């Protein structure tokens, strides 16, 4: 199709993409979806409940309905099945933490994407003044970050559990396990599983609190970026989920070597990530997450071919990709220690 007849609608959709996100973010900030658990409401009732004019209340409800977040039943707006499952506080897979973290932390950083491209440096924190992205972060923002990561990881871990069901792990080591979301979800799914979360001491405290009451989950403090990180042994499966995309290639290779050293012969490594296509033309979720690493870290999202080459060089065998369909990963690379 020539440029003279090509539609500009795809460009309009791209240019206004932030409209959809900010509608979702505003609705979440106003606790709209949790309010709707008791039979929904009208624009007038929402306006009265929020103490706002009816005009913006009606516009917000219309916007959320257009995005598939609300439905209109007998003149009342109610949560759609999507919102009811993921956007109501207290639900098992509440996704609001992701929305809040993206709105408060990433949205401003993406506003300076051009600076990140020009400088090859993050924009969500200042490398010249901070040691790392968490250095100097106010406690509320840190809490928002971990709540967001827990939401994203919990939903992704549920999908990973489906993949592992045919050959579930017995002793899992989650390297950089963060809030413990993967360990919690996998232990719920597999009653024989015992899991260890390995992360920095302050992060292990968060994981231990989240996993309270699940005695099959333990935490081990440590730093996988140490020159020779002493990853605990005795595990048949090591998991790296949304970890390697934070780092450059030499660091990734060092982490893979530490995982290899921690596994016994025949042990399994899982790399759970949004994988970029080998020809680096997409897919959009992985390619855009890679740009997110530009504004957040010194890493990027890698291709399956890159990971497999590193795994072979490290001594792993049988590396292959199992597709996933989850917010935090489109594939898991599985490899074994010879």
C-alpha atoms as a PDB file:
ATOM      1  CA  UNK A   1       0.000   0.000   0.000  1.00  0.00           C
ATOM      2  CA  UNK A   2       1.411   3.413  -0.954  1.00  0.00           C
ATOM      3  CA  UNK A   3       1.940   6.141   1.607  1.00  0.00           C
ATOM      4  CA  UNK A   4      -0.818   8.142  -0.083  1.00  0.00           C
ATOM      5  CA  UNK A   5      -3.441   5.543   0.780  1.00  0.00           C
ATOM      6  CA  UNK A   6      -2.039   4.171   4.042  1.00  0.00           C
ATOM      7  CA  UNK A   7      -4.213   4.901   7.056  1.00  0.00           C
ATOM      8  CA  UNK A   8      -2.896   7.103   9.830  1.00  0.00           C
ATOM      9  CA  UNK A   9      -5.053   5.291  12.385  1.00  0.00           C
ATOM     10  CA  UNK A  10      -2.208   3.036  13.622  1.00  0.00           C
ATOM     11  CA  UNK A  11      -0.113   6.131  14.292  1.00  0.00           C
ATOM     12  CA  UNK A  12      -2.996   7.745  16.143  1.00  0.00           C
ATOM     13  CA  UNK A  13      -3.326   4.626  18.290  1.00  0.00           C
ATOM     14  CA  UNK A  14       0.392   4.770  19.097  1.00  0.00           C
ATOM     15  CA  UNK A  15       0.373   8.499  19.777  1.00  0.00           C
ATOM     16  CA  UNK A  16      -2.551   8.246  22.194  1.00  0.00           C
ATOM     17  CA  UNK A  17      -1.449   5.052  23.946  1.00  0.00           C
ATOM     18  CA  UNK A  18      -0.781   6.971  27.145  1.00  0.00           C
ATOM     19  CA  UNK A  19      -4.447   8.010  27.274  1.00  0.00           C
ATOM     20  CA  UNK A  20      -5.445   4.424  27.988  1.00  0.00           C
ATOM     21  CA  UNK A  21      -2.802   3.951  30.653  1.00  0.00           C
ATOM     22  CA  UNK A  22      -3.564   7.193  32.479  1.00  0.00           C
ATOM     23  CA  UNK A  23      -7.289   6.371  32.444  1.00  0.00           C
ATOM     24  CA  UNK A  24      -6.502   3.055  34.119  1.00  0.00           C
ATOM     25  CA  UNK A  25      -4.061   4.709  36.540  1.00  0.00           C
ATOM     26  CA  UNK A  26      -6.531   7.418  37.561  1.00  0.00           C
ATOM     27  CA  UNK A  27      -9.316   4.880  38.074  1.00  0.00           C
ATOM     28  CA  UNK A  28      -6.976   2.792  40.226  1.00  0.00           C
ATOM     29  CA  UNK A  29      -5.834   5.825  42.235  1.00  0.00           C
ATOM     30  CA  UNK A  30      -9.481   6.675  42.943  1.00  0.00           C
ATOM     31  CA  UNK A  31     -10.061   3.045  44.002  1.00  0.00           C
ATOM     32  CA  UNK A  32     -12.797   2.808  41.403  1.00  0.00           C
ATOM     33  CA  UNK A  33     -12.775  -0.951  40.930  1.00  0.00           C
ATOM     34  CA  UNK A  34     -12.874  -1.820  44.623  1.00  0.00           C
ATOM     35  CA  UNK A  35     -15.815   0.568  45.015  1.00  0.00           C
ATOM     36  CA  UNK A  36     -17.709  -1.394  42.371  1.00  0.00           C
ATOM     37  CA  UNK A  37     -17.791  -4.701  44.241  1.00  0.00           C
ATOM     38  CA  UNK A  38     -21.164  -3.831  45.818  1.00  0.00           C
ATOM     39  CA  UNK A  39     -23.349  -3.666  42.744  1.00  0.00           C
ATOM     40  CA  UNK A  40     -21.636  -0.918  40.784  1.00  0.00           C
ATOM     41  CA  UNK A  41     -22.847   2.667  40.541  1.00  0.00           C
ATOM     42  CA  UNK A  42     -24.072   5.436  38.299  1.00  0.00           C
ATOM     43  CA  UNK A  43     -22.139   8.548  37.346  1.00  0.00           C
ATOM     44  CA  UNK A  44     -24.120  10.531  39.900  1.00  0.00           C
ATOM     45  CA  UNK A  45     -23.368   8.058  42.673  1.00  0.00           C
ATOM     46  CA  UNK A  46     -19.669   8.025  41.810  1.00  0.00           C
ATOM     47  CA  UNK A  47     -19.585  11.828  41.794  1.00  0.00           C
ATOM     48  CA  UNK A  48     -21.231  11.950  45.208  1.00  0.00           C
ATOM     49  CA  UNK A  49     -18.943   9.260  46.607  1.00  0.00           C
ATOM     50  CA  UNK A  50     -15.770  11.002  45.416  1.00  0.00           C
ATOM     51  CA  UNK A  51     -16.979  14.544  46.070  1.00  0.00           C
ATOM     52  CA  UNK A  52     -16.445  15.553  42.416  1.00  0.00           C
ATOM     53  CA  UNK A  53     -18.586  16.975  39.630  1.00  0.00           C
ATOM     54  CA  UNK A  54     -20.724  14.545  37.650  1.00  0.00           C
ATOM     55  CA  UNK A  55     -19.120  15.550  34.327  1.00  0.00           C
ATOM     56  CA  UNK A  56     -15.651  14.047  35.035  1.00  0.00           C
ATOM     57  CA  UNK A  57     -17.253  11.085  36.828  1.00  0.00           C
ATOM     58  CA  UNK A  58     -19.266  10.215  33.732  1.00  0.00           C
ATOM     59  CA  UNK A  59     -16.259  10.706  31.459  1.00  0.00           C
ATOM     60  CA  UNK A  60     -14.083   8.433  33.590  1.00  0.00           C
ATOM     61  CA  UNK A  61     -16.741   5.712  33.655  1.00  0.00           C
ATOM     62  CA  UNK A  62     -17.192   5.947  29.891  1.00  0.00           C
ATOM     63  CA  UNK A  63     -13.429   5.763  29.369  1.00  0.00           C
ATOM     64  CA  UNK A  64     -13.073   2.690  31.585  1.00  0.00           C
ATOM     65  CA  UNK A  65     -15.992   1.002  29.844  1.00  0.00           C
ATOM     66  CA  UNK A  66     -14.405   1.678  26.450  1.00  0.00           C
ATOM     67  CA  UNK A  67     -11.237  -0.079  27.641  1.00  0.00           C
ATOM     68  CA  UNK A  68     -13.097  -3.185  28.786  1.00  0.00           C
ATOM     69  CA  UNK A  69     -12.638  -2.417  32.480  1.00  0.00           C
ATOM     70  CA  UNK A  70     -16.303  -1.679  33.216  1.00  0.00           C
ATOM     71  CA  UNK A  71     -19.614  -2.863  31.805  1.00  0.00           C
ATOM     72  CA  UNK A  72     -23.001  -1.154  31.788  1.00  0.00           C
ATOM     73  CA  UNK A  73     -25.803  -3.288  33.249  1.00  0.00           C
ATOM     74  CA  UNK A  74     -29.292  -1.822  33.657  1.00  0.00           C
ATOM     75  CA  UNK A  75     -27.947   1.707  33.814  1.00  0.00           C
ATOM     76  CA  UNK A  76     -25.221   0.902  36.363  1.00  0.00           C
ATOM     77  CA  UNK A  77     -21.517   0.521  35.701  1.00  0.00           C
ATOM     78  CA  UNK A  78     -20.031  -2.680  37.123  1.00  0.00           C
ATOM     79  CA  UNK A  79     -16.601  -4.268  36.980  1.00  0.00           C
ATOM     80  CA  UNK A  80     -15.820  -6.331  33.912  1.00  0.00           C
ATOM     81  CA  UNK A  81     -14.526  -9.875  34.602  1.00  0.00           C
ATOM     82  CA  UNK A  82     -10.992  -8.580  33.940  1.00  0.00           C
ATOM     83  CA  UNK A  83     -11.271  -5.802  36.508  1.00  0.00           C
ATOM     84  CA  UNK A  84     -13.081  -8.029  39.001  1.00  0.00           C
ATOM     85  CA  UNK A  85     -10.242 -10.558  38.976  1.00  0.00           C
ATOM     86  CA  UNK A  86      -7.211  -8.275  38.878  1.00  0.00           C
ATOM     87  CA  UNK A  87      -8.115  -4.745  40.028  1.00  0.00           C
ATOM     88  CA  UNK A  88     -10.102  -5.268  43.227  1.00  0.00           C
ATOM     89  CA  UNK A  89      -7.952  -4.929  46.332  1.00  0.00           C
ATOM     90  CA  UNK A  90      -7.598  -8.154  48.264  1.00  0.00           C
ATOM     91  CA  UNK A  91      -8.064 -10.463  45.289  1.00  0.00           C
ATOM     92  CA  UNK A  92      -5.413 -13.235  45.060  1.00  0.00           C
ATOM     93  CA  UNK A  93      -3.875 -11.865  41.862  1.00  0.00           C
ATOM     94  CA  UNK A  94      -4.452  -8.166  42.477  1.00  0.00           C
ATOM     95  CA  UNK A  95      -2.585  -6.285  39.742  1.00  0.00           C
ATOM     96  CA  UNK A  96      -3.005  -2.803  41.154  1.00  0.00           C
ATOM     97  CA  UNK A  97       0.538  -2.759  42.474  1.00  0.00           C
ATOM     98  CA  UNK A  98       1.839  -2.897  38.910  1.00  0.00           C
ATOM     99  CA  UNK A  99      -0.428  -0.039  37.829  1.00  0.00           C
ATOM    100  CA  UNK A 100       0.646   2.139  40.748  1.00  0.00           C
ATOM    101  CA  UNK A 101       4.343   1.389  40.332  1.00  0.00           C
ATOM    102  CA  UNK A 102       4.228   2.130  36.600  1.00  0.00           C
ATOM    103  CA  UNK A 103       2.319   5.361  37.209  1.00  0.00           C
ATOM    104  CA  UNK A 104       4.415   6.714  40.056  1.00  0.00           C
ATOM    105  CA  UNK A 105       7.860   5.488  39.020  1.00  0.00           C
ATOM    106  CA  UNK A 106       8.057   4.547  35.353  1.00  0.00           C
ATOM    107  CA  UNK A 107       5.724   7.049  33.719  1.00  0.00           C
ATOM    108  CA  UNK A 108       7.923  10.041  34.712  1.00  0.00           C
ATOM    109  CA  UNK A 109      11.071   8.141  33.714  1.00  0.00           C
ATOM    110  CA  UNK A 110       9.660   7.292  30.282  1.00  0.00           C
ATOM    111  CA  UNK A 111       8.927  10.989  29.818  1.00  0.00           C
ATOM    112  CA  UNK A 112      12.711  11.355  29.524  1.00  0.00           C
ATOM    113  CA  UNK A 113      13.287   8.399  27.216  1.00  0.00           C
ATOM    114  CA  UNK A 114      15.118  10.550  24.670  1.00  0.00           C
ATOM    115  CA  UNK A 115      17.623  11.552  27.358  1.00  0.00           C
ATOM    116  CA  UNK A 116      18.142   7.878  28.232  1.00  0.00           C
ATOM    117  CA  UNK A 117      18.791   7.103  24.558  1.00  0.00           C
ATOM    118  CA  UNK A 118      21.235   9.976  24.164  1.00  0.00           C
ATOM    119  CA  UNK A 119      23.137   9.280  27.393  1.00  0.00           C
ATOM    120  CA  UNK A 120      22.811   5.470  27.628  1.00  0.00           C
ATOM    121  CA  UNK A 121      21.888   5.996  31.284  1.00  0.00           C
ATOM    122  CA  UNK A 122      18.792   5.487  33.456  1.00  0.00           C
ATOM    123  CA  UNK A 123      16.290   8.285  34.009  1.00  0.00           C
ATOM    124  CA  UNK A 124      14.389   6.789  36.949  1.00  0.00           C
ATOM    125  CA  UNK A 125      17.386   7.479  39.200  1.00  0.00           C
ATOM    126  CA  UNK A 126      20.604   9.475  38.985  1.00  0.00           C
ATOM    127  CA  UNK A 127      23.740   7.290  38.558  1.00  0.00           C
ATOM    128  CA  UNK A 128      26.040  10.211  39.343  1.00  0.00           C
ATOM    129  CA  UNK A 129      24.486  10.594  42.802  1.00  0.00           C
ATOM    130  CA  UNK A 130      23.165   7.110  43.635  1.00  0.00           C
ATOM    131  CA  UNK A 131      24.907   3.743  43.936  1.00  0.00           C
ATOM    132  CA  UNK A 132      21.911   1.863  42.551  1.00  0.00           C
ATOM    133  CA  UNK A 133      18.250   2.439  41.704  1.00  0.00           C
ATOM    134  CA  UNK A 134      17.103   1.769  45.294  1.00  0.00           C
ATOM    135  CA  UNK A 135      19.653   4.095  46.900  1.00  0.00           C
ATOM    136  CA  UNK A 136      17.854   7.051  48.470  1.00  0.00           C
ATOM    137  CA  UNK A 137      14.430   5.838  47.351  1.00  0.00           C
ATOM    138  CA  UNK A 138      11.754   7.045  49.744  1.00  0.00           C
ATOM    139  CA  UNK A 139      10.066   4.239  51.728  1.00  0.00           C
ATOM    140  CA  UNK A 140       6.660   4.786  50.098  1.00  0.00           C
ATOM    141  CA  UNK A 141       8.105   4.476  46.586  1.00  0.00           C
ATOM    142  CA  UNK A 142      10.074   1.402  47.638  1.00  0.00           C
ATOM    143  CA  UNK A 143       6.884  -0.156  48.995  1.00  0.00           C
ATOM    144  CA  UNK A 144       5.132   0.713  45.724  1.00  0.00           C
ATOM    145  CA  UNK A 145       7.945  -0.911  43.730  1.00  0.00           C
ATOM    146  CA  UNK A 146       7.799  -4.193  45.642  1.00  0.00           C
ATOM    147  CA  UNK A 147       4.007  -4.280  45.570  1.00  0.00           C
ATOM    148  CA  UNK A 148       4.151  -3.866  41.805  1.00  0.00           C
ATOM    149  CA  UNK A 149       6.772  -6.537  41.331  1.00  0.00           C
ATOM    150  CA  UNK A 150       4.828  -8.922  43.569  1.00  0.00           C
ATOM    151  CA  UNK A 151       1.683  -8.426  41.472  1.00  0.00           C
ATOM    152  CA  UNK A 152       3.527  -8.953  38.197  1.00  0.00           C
ATOM    153  CA  UNK A 153       5.440 -11.973  39.481  1.00  0.00           C
ATOM    154  CA  UNK A 154       2.430 -13.691  41.060  1.00  0.00           C
ATOM    155  CA  UNK A 155       0.446 -13.673  37.836  1.00  0.00           C
ATOM    156  CA  UNK A 156       3.464 -14.801  35.800  1.00  0.00           C
ATOM    157  CA  UNK A 157       4.323 -17.550  38.298  1.00  0.00           C
ATOM    158  CA  UNK A 158       0.833 -18.989  37.939  1.00  0.00           C
ATOM    159  CA  UNK A 159       1.488 -19.499  34.225  1.00  0.00           C
ATOM    160  CA  UNK A 160       4.957 -20.919  34.893  1.00  0.00           C
ATOM    161  CA  UNK A 161       3.379 -23.474  37.229  1.00  0.00           C
ATOM    162  CA  UNK A 162       1.295 -24.766  34.318  1.00  0.00           C
ATOM    163  CA  UNK A 163       4.480 -25.360  32.327  1.00  0.00           C
ATOM    164  CA  UNK A 164       6.197 -27.158  35.224  1.00  0.00           C
ATOM    165  CA  UNK A 165       3.203 -29.346  36.117  1.00  0.00           C
ATOM    166  CA  UNK A 166       4.469 -32.319  34.095  1.00  0.00           C
ATOM    167  CA  UNK A 167       7.842 -32.243  35.884  1.00  0.00           C
ATOM    168  CA  UNK A 168       7.481 -30.137  39.037  1.00  0.00           C
ATOM    169  CA  UNK A 169      10.529 -29.104  41.029  1.00  0.00           C
ATOM    170  CA  UNK A 170      11.142 -30.645  44.448  1.00  0.00           C
ATOM    171  CA  UNK A 171      13.753 -28.197  45.778  1.00  0.00           C
ATOM    172  CA  UNK A 172      13.661 -24.771  44.138  1.00  0.00           C
ATOM    173  CA  UNK A 173      16.219 -21.983  44.515  1.00  0.00           C
ATOM    174  CA  UNK A 174      14.818 -18.627  43.369  1.00  0.00           C
ATOM    175  CA  UNK A 175      17.869 -16.443  42.749  1.00  0.00           C
ATOM    176  CA  UNK A 176      16.938 -12.804  43.160  1.00  0.00           C
ATOM    177  CA  UNK A 177      13.558 -14.036  44.369  1.00  0.00           C
ATOM    178  CA  UNK A 178      12.456 -10.577  45.516  1.00  0.00           C
ATOM    179  CA  UNK A 179       9.119 -10.533  47.293  1.00  0.00           C
ATOM    180  CA  UNK A 180       8.842 -14.331  47.199  1.00  0.00           C
ATOM    181  CA  UNK A 181       5.963 -14.333  44.702  1.00  0.00           C
ATOM    182  CA  UNK A 182       7.304 -17.238  42.628  1.00  0.00           C
ATOM    183  CA  UNK A 183       8.117 -19.364  45.662  1.00  0.00           C
ATOM    184  CA  UNK A 184       4.671 -18.712  47.149  1.00  0.00           C
ATOM    185  CA  UNK A 185       2.760 -19.459  43.961  1.00  0.00           C
ATOM    186  CA  UNK A 186       4.755 -22.594  43.102  1.00  0.00           C
ATOM    187  CA  UNK A 187       4.509 -23.958  46.659  1.00  0.00           C
ATOM    188  CA  UNK A 188       0.754 -23.463  46.558  1.00  0.00           C
ATOM    189  CA  UNK A 189       0.624 -25.393  43.292  1.00  0.00           C
ATOM    190  CA  UNK A 190       3.050 -28.195  44.218  1.00  0.00           C
ATOM    191  CA  UNK A 191       2.529 -29.535  47.759  1.00  0.00           C
ATOM    192  CA  UNK A 192       5.838 -31.432  47.798  1.00  0.00           C
ATOM    193  CA  UNK A 193       7.917 -28.408  46.830  1.00  0.00           C
ATOM    194  CA  UNK A 194      10.331 -26.721  49.207  1.00  0.00           C
ATOM    195  CA  UNK A 195      11.626 -23.352  48.007  1.00  0.00           C
ATOM    196  CA  UNK A 196      14.487 -21.042  48.945  1.00  0.00           C
ATOM    197  CA  UNK A 197      14.446 -17.323  48.142  1.00  0.00           C
ATOM    198  CA  UNK A 198      17.952 -15.893  47.735  1.00  0.00           C
ATOM    199  CA  UNK A 199      18.249 -12.104  47.733  1.00  0.00           C
ATOM    200  CA  UNK A 200      19.684  -9.166  49.630  1.00  0.00           C
ATOM    201  CA  UNK A 201      18.967  -9.174  53.387  1.00  0.00           C
ATOM    202  CA  UNK A 202      16.450  -6.332  53.251  1.00  0.00           C
ATOM    203  CA  UNK A 203      14.607  -8.027  50.375  1.00  0.00           C
ATOM    204  CA  UNK A 204      14.581 -11.391  52.137  1.00  0.00           C
ATOM    205  CA  UNK A 205      12.735  -9.692  54.987  1.00  0.00           C
ATOM    206  CA  UNK A 206       9.958  -8.730  52.558  1.00  0.00           C
ATOM    207  CA  UNK A 207       9.809 -12.269  51.159  1.00  0.00           C
ATOM    208  CA  UNK A 208       9.692 -13.801  54.642  1.00  0.00           C
ATOM    209  CA  UNK A 209       6.783 -11.545  55.599  1.00  0.00           C
ATOM    210  CA  UNK A 210       4.868 -12.404  52.422  1.00  0.00           C
ATOM    211  CA  UNK A 211       5.510 -16.129  52.897  1.00  0.00           C
ATOM    212  CA  UNK A 212       4.575 -16.197  56.579  1.00  0.00           C
ATOM    213  CA  UNK A 213       2.598 -19.350  57.281  1.00  0.00           C
ATOM    214  CA  UNK A 214       4.174 -21.349  54.441  1.00  0.00           C
ATOM    215  CA  UNK A 215       6.799 -23.373  56.270  1.00  0.00           C
ATOM    216  CA  UNK A 216       8.151 -24.853  53.040  1.00  0.00           C
ATOM    217  CA  UNK A 217       9.662 -21.488  52.048  1.00  0.00           C
ATOM    218  CA  UNK A 218      12.936 -20.275  53.517  1.00  0.00           C
ATOM    219  CA  UNK A 219      15.012 -17.193  52.784  1.00  0.00           C
ATOM    220  CA  UNK A 220      18.789 -17.013  52.466  1.00  0.00           C
ATOM    221  CA  UNK A 221      20.372 -13.541  52.347  1.00  0.00           C
ATOM    222  CA  UNK A 222      23.196 -12.975  49.910  1.00  0.00           C
ATOM    223  CA  UNK A 223      24.373 -11.040  46.868  1.00  0.00           C
ATOM    224  CA  UNK A 224      24.378 -12.820  43.516  1.00  0.00           C
ATOM    225  CA  UNK A 225      26.541  -9.997  42.134  1.00  0.00           C
ATOM    226  CA  UNK A 226      29.435 -10.877  44.452  1.00  0.00           C
ATOM    227  CA  UNK A 227      32.581 -12.080  42.629  1.00  0.00           C
ATOM    228  CA  UNK A 228      31.906 -15.692  43.714  1.00  0.00           C
ATOM    229  CA  UNK A 229      28.375 -15.655  45.136  1.00  0.00           C
ATOM    230  CA  UNK A 230      27.876 -18.606  47.495  1.00  0.00           C
ATOM    231  CA  UNK A 231      24.497 -19.724  46.187  1.00  0.00           C
ATOM    232  CA  UNK A 232      23.092 -22.430  48.479  1.00  0.00           C
ATOM    233  CA  UNK A 233      23.210 -25.977  47.113  1.00  0.00           C
ATOM    234  CA  UNK A 234      20.860 -28.916  47.457  1.00  0.00           C
ATOM    235  CA  UNK A 235      18.311 -27.765  44.875  1.00  0.00           C
ATOM    236  CA  UNK A 236      17.183 -29.600  41.766  1.00  0.00           C
ATOM    237  CA  UNK A 237      15.919 -26.415  40.084  1.00  0.00           C
ATOM    238  CA  UNK A 238      17.294 -22.874  39.995  1.00  0.00           C
ATOM    239  CA  UNK A 239      15.029 -20.064  38.806  1.00  0.00           C
ATOM    240  CA  UNK A 240      16.064 -16.722  37.339  1.00  0.00           C
ATOM    241  CA  UNK A 241      12.892 -14.741  36.685  1.00  0.00           C
ATOM    242  CA  UNK A 242      13.075 -11.185  35.353  1.00  0.00           C
ATOM    243  CA  UNK A 243      16.636 -11.012  36.690  1.00  0.00           C
ATOM    244  CA  UNK A 244      19.036 -11.225  33.769  1.00  0.00           C
ATOM    245  CA  UNK A 245      17.408  -8.397  31.798  1.00  0.00           C
ATOM    246  CA  UNK A 246      18.631  -6.024  34.527  1.00  0.00           C
ATOM    247  CA  UNK A 247      22.298  -6.594  33.674  1.00  0.00           C
ATOM    248  CA  UNK A 248      24.855  -6.395  30.893  1.00  0.00           C
ATOM    249  CA  UNK A 249      26.219  -9.507  29.196  1.00  0.00           C
ATOM    250  CA  UNK A 250      29.342 -10.034  31.376  1.00  0.00           C
ATOM    251  CA  UNK A 251      27.218  -9.825  34.530  1.00  0.00           C
ATOM    252  CA  UNK A 252      24.630 -12.211  33.088  1.00  0.00           C
ATOM    253  CA  UNK A 253      27.348 -14.732  32.271  1.00  0.00           C
ATOM    254  CA  UNK A 254      28.720 -14.452  35.812  1.00  0.00           C
ATOM    255  CA  UNK A 255      25.266 -15.083  37.286  1.00  0.00           C
ATOM    256  CA  UNK A 256      24.797 -18.111  35.025  1.00  0.00           C
ATOM    257  CA  UNK A 257      28.165 -19.495  36.171  1.00  0.00           C
ATOM    258  CA  UNK A 258      27.132 -19.122  39.818  1.00  0.00           C
ATOM    259  CA  UNK A 259      23.875 -20.978  39.109  1.00  0.00           C
ATOM    260  CA  UNK A 260      25.784 -23.732  37.313  1.00  0.00           C
ATOM    261  CA  UNK A 261      28.141 -24.120  40.257  1.00  0.00           C
ATOM    262  CA  UNK A 262      25.219 -24.359  42.706  1.00  0.00           C
ATOM    263  CA  UNK A 263      23.464 -27.172  40.816  1.00  0.00           C
ATOM    264  CA  UNK A 264      24.288 -30.854  41.042  1.00  0.00           C
ATOM    265  CA  UNK A 265      24.709 -32.847  37.840  1.00  0.00           C
ATOM    266  CA  UNK A 266      21.320 -33.153  36.146  1.00  0.00           C
ATOM    267  CA  UNK A 267      19.966 -30.068  37.896  1.00  0.00           C
ATOM    268  CA  UNK A 268      17.720 -27.720  35.960  1.00  0.00           C
ATOM    269  CA  UNK A 269      17.978 -23.981  35.308  1.00  0.00           C
ATOM    270  CA  UNK A 270      14.918 -21.901  34.357  1.00  0.00           C
ATOM    271  CA  UNK A 271      15.274 -18.436  32.780  1.00  0.00           C
ATOM    272  CA  UNK A 272      11.854 -16.786  32.752  1.00  0.00           C
ATOM    273  CA  UNK A 273      11.808 -13.551  30.725  1.00  0.00           C
ATOM    274  CA  UNK A 274      10.181 -11.510  27.991  1.00  0.00           C
ATOM    275  CA  UNK A 275      12.364 -12.759  25.153  1.00  0.00           C
ATOM    276  CA  UNK A 276      13.181 -10.585  22.143  1.00  0.00           C
ATOM    277  CA  UNK A 277      12.869 -12.315  18.770  1.00  0.00           C
ATOM    278  CA  UNK A 278      16.185 -13.611  17.459  1.00  0.00           C
ATOM    279  CA  UNK A 279      15.989 -11.198  14.484  1.00  0.00           C
ATOM    280  CA  UNK A 280      15.281  -8.323  16.897  1.00  0.00           C
ATOM    281  CA  UNK A 281      12.076  -7.141  15.241  1.00  0.00           C
ATOM    282  CA  UNK A 282       9.801  -7.728  18.262  1.00  0.00           C
ATOM    283  CA  UNK A 283       7.620  -8.804  19.882  1.00  0.00           C
ATOM    284  CA  UNK A 284       6.422  -5.469  21.240  1.00  0.00           C
ATOM    285  CA  UNK A 285       6.122  -6.488  24.939  1.00  0.00           C
ATOM    286  CA  UNK A 286       9.725  -7.704  25.026  1.00  0.00           C
ATOM    287  CA  UNK A 287      11.124  -4.885  22.868  1.00  0.00           C
ATOM    288  CA  UNK A 288       9.404  -2.217  24.943  1.00  0.00           C
ATOM    289  CA  UNK A 289      10.413  -3.879  28.217  1.00  0.00           C
ATOM    290  CA  UNK A 290      13.956  -3.672  26.881  1.00  0.00           C
ATOM    291  CA  UNK A 291      13.540   0.098  26.538  1.00  0.00           C
ATOM    292  CA  UNK A 292      12.202   0.073  30.078  1.00  0.00           C
ATOM    293  CA  UNK A 293      15.522  -1.443  31.135  1.00  0.00           C
ATOM    294  CA  UNK A 294      17.180   1.546  29.485  1.00  0.00           C
ATOM    295  CA  UNK A 295      15.372   3.992  31.776  1.00  0.00           C
ATOM    296  CA  UNK A 296      15.712   1.714  34.831  1.00  0.00           C
ATOM    297  CA  UNK A 297      18.926  -0.357  34.666  1.00  0.00           C
ATOM    298  CA  UNK A 298      22.063  -1.070  32.693  1.00  0.00           C
ATOM    299  CA  UNK A 299      20.572  -4.140  31.039  1.00  0.00           C
ATOM    300  CA  UNK A 300      18.206  -5.008  28.209  1.00  0.00           C
ATOM    301  CA  UNK A 301      15.931  -7.823  27.161  1.00  0.00           C
ATOM    302  CA  UNK A 302      17.854 -10.518  25.328  1.00  0.00           C
ATOM    303  CA  UNK A 303      17.016 -13.062  22.647  1.00  0.00           C
ATOM    304  CA  UNK A 304      16.653 -16.785  23.224  1.00  0.00           C
ATOM    305  CA  UNK A 305      19.654 -17.335  20.943  1.00  0.00           C
ATOM    306  CA  UNK A 306      21.812 -15.097  23.128  1.00  0.00           C
ATOM    307  CA  UNK A 307      20.784 -16.897  26.313  1.00  0.00           C
ATOM    308  CA  UNK A 308      21.287 -20.339  24.788  1.00  0.00           C
ATOM    309  CA  UNK A 309      24.777 -19.412  23.546  1.00  0.00           C
ATOM    310  CA  UNK A 310      25.727 -18.237  27.055  1.00  0.00           C
ATOM    311  CA  UNK A 311      24.274 -21.388  28.615  1.00  0.00           C
ATOM    312  CA  UNK A 312      26.263 -23.641  26.293  1.00  0.00           C
ATOM    313  CA  UNK A 313      29.441 -21.689  27.035  1.00  0.00           C
ATOM    314  CA  UNK A 314      28.752 -22.077  30.760  1.00  0.00           C
ATOM    315  CA  UNK A 315      28.388 -25.864  30.511  1.00  0.00           C
ATOM    316  CA  UNK A 316      24.618 -26.323  30.401  1.00  0.00           C
ATOM    317  CA  UNK A 317      23.064 -28.743  27.933  1.00  0.00           C
ATOM    318  CA  UNK A 318      19.716 -29.232  26.218  1.00  0.00           C
ATOM    319  CA  UNK A 319      18.734 -25.577  26.360  1.00  0.00           C
ATOM    320  CA  UNK A 320      15.356 -24.936  24.769  1.00  0.00           C
ATOM    321  CA  UNK A 321      12.503 -22.462  24.958  1.00  0.00           C
ATOM    322  CA  UNK A 322       9.022 -23.254  26.262  1.00  0.00           C
ATOM    323  CA  UNK A 323       6.526 -20.516  25.297  1.00  0.00           C
ATOM    324  CA  UNK A 324       4.608 -18.686  28.029  1.00  0.00           C
ATOM    325  CA  UNK A 325       1.724 -16.246  27.853  1.00  0.00           C
ATOM    326  CA  UNK A 326       2.098 -14.068  30.926  1.00  0.00           C
ATOM    327  CA  UNK A 327       2.629 -10.378  31.752  1.00  0.00           C
ATOM    328  CA  UNK A 328       6.220 -10.865  32.888  1.00  0.00           C
ATOM    329  CA  UNK A 329       7.411 -13.550  30.467  1.00  0.00           C
ATOM    330  CA  UNK A 330       6.701 -14.895  27.008  1.00  0.00           C
ATOM    331  CA  UNK A 331       9.014 -17.853  27.413  1.00  0.00           C
ATOM    332  CA  UNK A 332      11.076 -19.914  29.817  1.00  0.00           C
ATOM    333  CA  UNK A 333      14.448 -21.272  28.756  1.00  0.00           C
ATOM    334  CA  UNK A 334      15.110 -24.668  30.297  1.00  0.00           C
ATOM    335  CA  UNK A 335      18.634 -26.101  30.521  1.00  0.00           C
ATOM    336  CA  UNK A 336      20.373 -28.853  32.485  1.00  0.00           C
ATOM    337  CA  UNK A 337      23.782 -29.141  34.105  1.00  0.00           C
ATOM    338  CA  UNK A 338      25.634 -32.025  32.495  1.00  0.00           C
END
